[in-house]
């Protein structure tokens, strides 16, 4: 059977501060620049979640996209949208909320939630020009 890749795109808005508490204030300012601002800053994130698999012979779907939409709403968007990534998100506690770390954390929130197919890729845009991709590799 052929492998097909299905992608769902969602948006969320969130604030964060890039800061390593184990390092000095000067190191943090130099390393993270304006992203270390003590009063936070925000992004309009775009998240793409790609699921791979064989189409079900009865439905033609790899995964019913309405199921993926619901999973993303409950597992990701309700936890991230209009939140402070440093303070409000349980699965980011103790993590510097870079886009890289956020993509890995999102993967971990989703990897056991899919009723069909397998998680293939997380693509997370922090800005129109900057994004990261994660494929589940440790």
N, C-alpha and C. Protein backbone atom coordinates (compact mmCIF):
# COMPACT_ATOMS: atom_id res chain seq x y z
N UNK A 1 0.84 -1.20 0.00
CA UNK A 1 0.00 0.00 0.00
C UNK A 1 0.89 1.25 0.00
N UNK A 2 0.39 2.30 -0.62
CA UNK A 2 1.16 3.56 -0.64
C UNK A 2 1.10 4.27 0.72
N UNK A 3 2.17 4.98 1.02
CA UNK A 3 2.18 5.84 2.20
C UNK A 3 1.79 7.24 1.76
N UNK A 4 0.82 7.81 2.45
CA UNK A 4 0.33 9.15 2.15
C UNK A 4 0.58 10.03 3.38
N UNK A 5 0.88 11.30 3.15
CA UNK A 5 1.16 12.26 4.21
C UNK A 5 0.04 13.30 4.24
N UNK A 6 -0.62 13.41 5.39
CA UNK A 6 -1.74 14.32 5.56
C UNK A 6 -1.31 15.39 6.57
N UNK A 7 -1.56 16.65 6.24
CA UNK A 7 -1.12 17.75 7.11
C UNK A 7 -2.29 18.63 7.49
N UNK A 8 -2.33 19.00 8.75
CA UNK A 8 -3.31 19.96 9.27
C UNK A 8 -2.52 21.16 9.78
N UNK A 9 -2.99 22.37 9.44
CA UNK A 9 -2.37 23.62 9.88
C UNK A 9 -3.30 24.31 10.85
N UNK A 10 -2.73 24.79 11.97
CA UNK A 10 -3.48 25.56 12.97
C UNK A 10 -2.64 26.75 13.39
N UNK A 11 -3.27 27.71 14.03
CA UNK A 11 -2.61 28.93 14.49
C UNK A 11 -2.84 29.10 15.98
N UNK A 12 -1.85 29.69 16.65
CA UNK A 12 -2.04 30.10 18.02
C UNK A 12 -1.13 31.28 18.31
N UNK A 13 -1.51 32.06 19.30
CA UNK A 13 -0.75 33.23 19.73
C UNK A 13 -0.27 32.97 21.15
N UNK A 14 0.98 33.27 21.40
CA UNK A 14 1.52 33.03 22.73
C UNK A 14 2.69 33.97 23.00
N UNK A 15 2.93 34.20 24.28
CA UNK A 15 4.06 35.02 24.72
C UNK A 15 5.08 34.12 25.38
N UNK A 16 6.34 34.57 25.36
CA UNK A 16 7.39 33.84 26.07
C UNK A 16 8.58 34.76 26.32
N UNK A 17 9.47 34.24 27.12
CA UNK A 17 10.76 34.90 27.36
C UNK A 17 11.82 33.82 27.28
N UNK A 18 12.82 34.06 26.47
CA UNK A 18 13.94 33.13 26.40
C UNK A 18 14.94 33.54 27.48
N UNK A 19 15.10 32.63 28.44
CA UNK A 19 15.93 32.94 29.59
C UNK A 19 16.38 31.63 30.23
N UNK A 20 17.67 31.53 30.49
CA UNK A 20 18.22 30.37 31.20
C UNK A 20 18.56 30.81 32.61
N UNK A 21 17.77 30.37 33.61
CA UNK A 21 18.00 30.83 34.98
C UNK A 21 19.33 30.36 35.56
N UNK A 22 19.96 29.39 34.95
CA UNK A 22 21.25 28.91 35.43
C UNK A 22 22.40 29.82 34.99
N UNK A 23 22.10 30.76 34.12
CA UNK A 23 23.14 31.66 33.61
C UNK A 23 22.89 33.08 34.10
N UNK A 24 23.89 33.93 33.95
CA UNK A 24 23.80 35.31 34.43
C UNK A 24 22.85 36.14 33.57
N UNK A 25 22.42 37.26 34.13
CA UNK A 25 21.57 38.19 33.38
C UNK A 25 22.30 38.67 32.13
N UNK A 26 23.60 38.95 32.27
CA UNK A 26 24.38 39.43 31.13
C UNK A 26 24.46 38.35 30.03
N UNK A 27 24.70 37.11 30.44
CA UNK A 27 24.75 36.03 29.46
C UNK A 27 23.41 35.89 28.73
N UNK A 28 22.33 35.95 29.47
CA UNK A 28 21.00 35.84 28.87
C UNK A 28 20.72 36.97 27.90
N UNK A 29 21.07 38.21 28.29
CA UNK A 29 20.86 39.34 27.39
C UNK A 29 21.67 39.19 26.11
N UNK A 30 22.94 38.77 26.27
CA UNK A 30 23.81 38.61 25.11
C UNK A 30 23.35 37.45 24.22
N UNK A 31 22.93 36.36 24.82
CA UNK A 31 22.55 35.16 24.06
C UNK A 31 21.20 35.31 23.38
N UNK A 32 20.21 35.83 24.10
CA UNK A 32 18.84 35.86 23.59
C UNK A 32 18.40 37.22 23.07
N UNK A 33 19.18 38.26 23.31
CA UNK A 33 18.86 39.59 22.80
C UNK A 33 17.48 40.05 23.22
N UNK A 34 16.72 40.65 22.30
CA UNK A 34 15.38 41.16 22.64
C UNK A 34 14.42 40.07 23.11
N UNK A 35 14.70 38.82 22.78
CA UNK A 35 13.82 37.72 23.21
C UNK A 35 13.97 37.43 24.70
N UNK A 36 14.92 38.10 25.35
CA UNK A 36 15.11 37.95 26.80
C UNK A 36 14.41 39.06 27.57
N UNK A 37 13.67 39.90 26.92
CA UNK A 37 12.99 41.01 27.59
C UNK A 37 12.20 40.50 28.79
N UNK A 38 12.39 41.09 29.96
CA UNK A 38 11.75 40.57 31.17
C UNK A 38 10.22 40.67 31.16
N UNK A 39 9.65 41.48 30.29
CA UNK A 39 8.20 41.60 30.22
C UNK A 39 7.60 40.81 29.06
N UNK A 40 8.36 39.81 28.58
CA UNK A 40 7.86 38.88 27.57
C UNK A 40 7.76 39.53 26.18
N UNK A 41 7.51 38.72 25.20
CA UNK A 41 7.18 39.15 23.85
C UNK A 41 6.36 38.02 23.24
N UNK A 42 5.66 38.32 22.16
CA UNK A 42 4.74 37.32 21.62
C UNK A 42 4.95 37.01 20.16
N UNK A 43 4.33 35.90 19.75
CA UNK A 43 4.38 35.46 18.36
C UNK A 43 3.01 34.96 17.93
N UNK A 44 2.76 35.04 16.66
CA UNK A 44 1.59 34.43 16.02
C UNK A 44 2.11 33.15 15.35
N UNK A 45 2.07 32.06 16.09
CA UNK A 45 2.63 30.79 15.62
C UNK A 45 1.71 30.12 14.61
N UNK A 46 2.31 29.42 13.68
CA UNK A 46 1.59 28.54 12.76
C UNK A 46 2.19 27.15 12.95
N UNK A 47 1.31 26.19 13.23
CA UNK A 47 1.72 24.81 13.48
C UNK A 47 1.16 23.92 12.38
N UNK A 48 2.04 23.13 11.78
CA UNK A 48 1.62 22.12 10.82
C UNK A 48 1.97 20.76 11.40
N UNK A 49 0.98 19.88 11.43
CA UNK A 49 1.16 18.52 11.94
C UNK A 49 0.91 17.56 10.78
N UNK A 50 1.91 16.75 10.46
CA UNK A 50 1.81 15.80 9.36
C UNK A 50 1.75 14.38 9.91
N UNK A 51 0.75 13.64 9.43
CA UNK A 51 0.54 12.25 9.81
C UNK A 51 0.76 11.40 8.56
N UNK A 52 1.50 10.31 8.70
CA UNK A 52 1.78 9.41 7.58
C UNK A 52 1.06 8.09 7.80
N UNK A 53 0.68 7.47 6.69
CA UNK A 53 0.08 6.15 6.80
C UNK A 53 -0.52 5.70 5.49
N UNK A 54 -1.08 4.53 5.55
CA UNK A 54 -1.76 3.96 4.38
C UNK A 54 -3.23 4.32 4.45
N UNK A 55 -3.83 4.72 3.35
CA UNK A 55 -5.26 5.01 3.37
C UNK A 55 -6.06 3.76 3.75
N UNK A 56 -7.03 3.95 4.62
CA UNK A 56 -7.92 2.88 5.03
C UNK A 56 -8.77 2.48 3.83
N UNK A 57 -8.83 1.19 3.48
CA UNK A 57 -9.60 0.79 2.31
C UNK A 57 -11.10 1.08 2.41
N UNK A 58 -11.62 1.17 3.63
CA UNK A 58 -13.05 1.45 3.80
C UNK A 58 -13.39 2.93 3.70
N UNK A 59 -12.43 3.81 4.09
CA UNK A 59 -12.72 5.25 4.11
C UNK A 59 -11.90 6.04 3.11
N UNK A 60 -10.74 5.51 2.74
CA UNK A 60 -9.82 6.28 1.90
C UNK A 60 -8.97 7.25 2.70
N UNK A 61 -9.20 7.33 4.01
CA UNK A 61 -8.46 8.26 4.88
C UNK A 61 -7.23 7.59 5.48
N UNK A 62 -6.14 8.33 5.61
CA UNK A 62 -5.06 7.94 6.51
C UNK A 62 -5.55 8.16 7.93
N UNK A 63 -6.17 9.30 8.13
CA UNK A 63 -6.71 9.71 9.43
C UNK A 63 -7.84 10.68 9.12
N UNK A 64 -8.94 10.52 9.78
CA UNK A 64 -10.04 11.46 9.60
C UNK A 64 -9.59 12.82 10.11
N UNK A 65 -9.55 13.81 9.23
CA UNK A 65 -9.02 15.12 9.62
C UNK A 65 -9.86 15.79 10.70
N UNK A 66 -11.13 15.44 10.82
CA UNK A 66 -11.91 16.00 11.93
C UNK A 66 -11.40 15.47 13.27
N UNK A 67 -10.89 14.23 13.29
CA UNK A 67 -10.30 13.70 14.52
C UNK A 67 -8.99 14.43 14.84
N UNK A 68 -8.18 14.66 13.81
CA UNK A 68 -6.93 15.39 14.03
C UNK A 68 -7.21 16.80 14.51
N UNK A 69 -8.20 17.45 13.93
CA UNK A 69 -8.59 18.80 14.35
C UNK A 69 -8.96 18.81 15.83
N UNK A 70 -9.74 17.84 16.27
CA UNK A 70 -10.16 17.76 17.68
C UNK A 70 -8.97 17.49 18.60
N UNK A 71 -8.08 16.62 18.19
CA UNK A 71 -6.88 16.32 19.00
C UNK A 71 -6.02 17.57 19.15
N UNK A 72 -5.82 18.29 18.05
CA UNK A 72 -5.01 19.51 18.12
C UNK A 72 -5.67 20.55 19.00
N UNK A 73 -6.98 20.65 18.93
CA UNK A 73 -7.69 21.62 19.77
C UNK A 73 -7.50 21.30 21.26
N UNK A 74 -7.71 20.05 21.64
CA UNK A 74 -7.67 19.70 23.07
C UNK A 74 -6.26 19.54 23.62
N UNK A 75 -5.37 18.96 22.84
CA UNK A 75 -4.02 18.68 23.35
C UNK A 75 -3.05 19.84 23.19
N UNK A 76 -3.31 20.72 22.19
CA UNK A 76 -2.33 21.76 21.88
C UNK A 76 -2.93 23.16 22.03
N UNK A 77 -3.94 23.48 21.25
CA UNK A 77 -4.43 24.86 21.19
C UNK A 77 -5.00 25.34 22.52
N UNK A 78 -5.78 24.52 23.19
CA UNK A 78 -6.33 24.95 24.48
C UNK A 78 -5.23 25.22 25.50
N UNK A 79 -4.10 24.56 25.36
CA UNK A 79 -3.00 24.74 26.30
C UNK A 79 -2.06 25.89 25.92
N UNK A 80 -1.98 26.22 24.61
CA UNK A 80 -0.99 27.20 24.15
C UNK A 80 -1.57 28.54 23.74
N UNK A 81 -2.77 28.55 23.17
CA UNK A 81 -3.29 29.78 22.57
C UNK A 81 -3.57 30.84 23.63
N UNK A 82 -3.00 32.03 23.40
CA UNK A 82 -3.13 33.17 24.30
C UNK A 82 -2.61 32.86 25.71
N UNK A 83 -1.51 32.11 25.75
CA UNK A 83 -0.89 31.75 27.01
C UNK A 83 0.54 32.28 27.05
N UNK A 84 1.09 32.29 28.26
CA UNK A 84 2.50 32.58 28.47
C UNK A 84 3.19 31.22 28.52
N UNK A 85 4.05 30.94 27.56
CA UNK A 85 4.68 29.63 27.46
C UNK A 85 5.57 29.32 28.65
N UNK A 86 6.13 30.33 29.29
CA UNK A 86 6.98 30.12 30.46
C UNK A 86 6.17 29.79 31.70
N UNK A 87 4.97 30.32 31.81
CA UNK A 87 4.23 30.23 33.07
C UNK A 87 2.99 29.34 33.01
N UNK A 88 2.31 29.28 31.88
CA UNK A 88 0.98 28.70 31.83
C UNK A 88 0.89 27.28 31.29
N UNK A 89 1.93 26.76 30.70
CA UNK A 89 1.83 25.50 29.95
C UNK A 89 2.51 24.37 30.72
N UNK A 90 1.70 23.40 31.15
CA UNK A 90 2.22 22.32 31.98
C UNK A 90 3.35 21.54 31.31
N UNK A 91 3.23 21.28 30.02
CA UNK A 91 4.25 20.45 29.38
C UNK A 91 5.50 21.23 28.97
N UNK A 92 5.58 22.51 29.34
CA UNK A 92 6.78 23.31 29.10
C UNK A 92 7.49 23.74 30.39
N UNK A 93 7.00 23.28 31.52
CA UNK A 93 7.62 23.66 32.79
C UNK A 93 9.09 23.23 32.82
N UNK A 94 9.97 24.17 33.14
CA UNK A 94 11.40 23.89 33.22
C UNK A 94 12.11 23.84 31.88
N UNK A 95 11.41 24.23 30.80
CA UNK A 95 11.98 24.20 29.45
C UNK A 95 12.10 25.62 28.93
N UNK A 96 13.23 25.97 28.35
CA UNK A 96 13.36 27.27 27.70
C UNK A 96 12.49 27.20 26.45
N UNK A 97 11.45 28.03 26.33
CA UNK A 97 10.47 27.87 25.26
C UNK A 97 10.89 28.43 23.90
N UNK A 98 12.03 27.94 23.42
CA UNK A 98 12.42 28.25 22.05
C UNK A 98 11.47 27.53 21.10
N UNK A 99 11.48 27.92 19.86
CA UNK A 99 10.65 27.23 18.87
C UNK A 99 11.08 25.78 18.74
N UNK A 100 12.38 25.52 18.83
CA UNK A 100 12.88 24.15 18.77
C UNK A 100 12.31 23.30 19.89
N UNK A 101 12.42 23.80 21.13
CA UNK A 101 11.91 23.04 22.27
C UNK A 101 10.39 22.91 22.23
N UNK A 102 9.72 23.92 21.75
CA UNK A 102 8.26 23.86 21.64
C UNK A 102 7.84 22.80 20.63
N UNK A 103 8.53 22.69 19.51
CA UNK A 103 8.19 21.66 18.52
C UNK A 103 8.35 20.26 19.10
N UNK A 104 9.41 20.02 19.84
CA UNK A 104 9.62 18.70 20.47
C UNK A 104 8.53 18.43 21.50
N UNK A 105 8.18 19.43 22.30
CA UNK A 105 7.14 19.26 23.32
C UNK A 105 5.78 18.98 22.68
N UNK A 106 5.48 19.65 21.59
CA UNK A 106 4.22 19.39 20.88
C UNK A 106 4.20 17.96 20.37
N UNK A 107 5.30 17.50 19.79
CA UNK A 107 5.38 16.12 19.33
C UNK A 107 5.03 15.17 20.47
N UNK A 108 5.65 15.38 21.61
CA UNK A 108 5.42 14.48 22.76
C UNK A 108 3.97 14.50 23.23
N UNK A 109 3.31 15.64 23.08
CA UNK A 109 1.89 15.74 23.45
C UNK A 109 1.01 14.98 22.46
N UNK A 110 1.46 14.85 21.23
CA UNK A 110 0.62 14.26 20.18
C UNK A 110 0.94 12.80 19.86
N UNK A 111 2.14 12.34 20.13
CA UNK A 111 2.59 11.07 19.57
C UNK A 111 1.73 9.88 19.97
N UNK A 112 1.11 9.90 21.13
CA UNK A 112 0.27 8.76 21.53
C UNK A 112 -1.22 9.04 21.37
N UNK A 113 -1.57 10.14 20.73
CA UNK A 113 -2.97 10.56 20.66
C UNK A 113 -3.66 10.21 19.34
N UNK A 114 -2.92 9.79 18.36
CA UNK A 114 -3.52 9.57 17.03
C UNK A 114 -4.23 8.22 16.96
N UNK A 115 -5.48 8.22 16.50
CA UNK A 115 -6.20 6.95 16.38
C UNK A 115 -5.80 6.15 15.14
N UNK A 116 -5.10 6.76 14.20
CA UNK A 116 -4.65 6.08 12.99
C UNK A 116 -3.44 6.82 12.45
N UNK A 117 -2.67 6.16 11.61
CA UNK A 117 -1.47 6.77 11.06
C UNK A 117 -0.40 6.92 12.13
N UNK A 118 0.68 7.55 11.73
CA UNK A 118 1.78 7.81 12.68
C UNK A 118 2.25 9.24 12.49
N UNK A 119 2.61 9.87 13.58
CA UNK A 119 3.10 11.23 13.51
C UNK A 119 4.38 11.25 12.69
N UNK A 120 4.43 12.10 11.69
CA UNK A 120 5.59 12.17 10.80
C UNK A 120 6.42 13.43 11.01
N UNK A 121 5.73 14.58 11.12
CA UNK A 121 6.47 15.84 11.20
C UNK A 121 5.67 16.89 11.95
N UNK A 122 6.39 17.68 12.72
CA UNK A 122 5.88 18.92 13.29
C UNK A 122 6.66 20.04 12.62
N UNK A 123 5.95 20.97 12.02
CA UNK A 123 6.59 22.18 11.49
C UNK A 123 5.95 23.34 12.24
N UNK A 124 6.79 24.15 12.87
CA UNK A 124 6.29 25.25 13.69
C UNK A 124 6.94 26.55 13.22
N UNK A 125 6.10 27.46 12.74
CA UNK A 125 6.55 28.78 12.32
C UNK A 125 6.45 29.72 13.51
N UNK A 126 7.56 30.36 13.84
CA UNK A 126 7.56 31.40 14.86
C UNK A 126 7.25 32.75 14.20
N UNK A 127 7.77 32.93 13.00
CA UNK A 127 7.48 34.11 12.20
C UNK A 127 7.26 33.63 10.77
N UNK A 128 6.92 34.55 9.91
CA UNK A 128 6.74 34.22 8.50
C UNK A 128 8.02 33.65 7.89
N UNK A 129 9.16 34.05 8.43
CA UNK A 129 10.44 33.69 7.85
C UNK A 129 11.20 32.61 8.61
N UNK A 130 10.79 32.31 9.85
CA UNK A 130 11.53 31.36 10.68
C UNK A 130 10.63 30.21 11.12
N UNK A 131 11.08 28.99 10.86
CA UNK A 131 10.35 27.83 11.34
C UNK A 131 11.31 26.71 11.66
N UNK A 132 10.83 25.76 12.45
CA UNK A 132 11.59 24.56 12.76
C UNK A 132 10.75 23.35 12.37
N UNK A 133 11.44 22.24 12.12
CA UNK A 133 10.78 20.98 11.85
C UNK A 133 11.33 19.93 12.80
N UNK A 134 10.45 19.04 13.23
CA UNK A 134 10.87 17.93 14.10
C UNK A 134 10.19 16.67 13.61
N UNK A 135 10.99 15.59 13.53
CA UNK A 135 10.54 14.31 13.01
C UNK A 135 10.54 13.21 14.06
N UNK A 136 10.62 13.57 15.33
CA UNK A 136 10.56 12.57 16.39
C UNK A 136 11.88 11.90 16.71
N UNK A 137 12.96 12.41 16.16
CA UNK A 137 14.26 11.80 16.39
C UNK A 137 14.81 12.25 17.73
N UNK A 138 15.32 11.31 18.48
CA UNK A 138 15.91 11.63 19.78
C UNK A 138 17.40 11.79 19.67
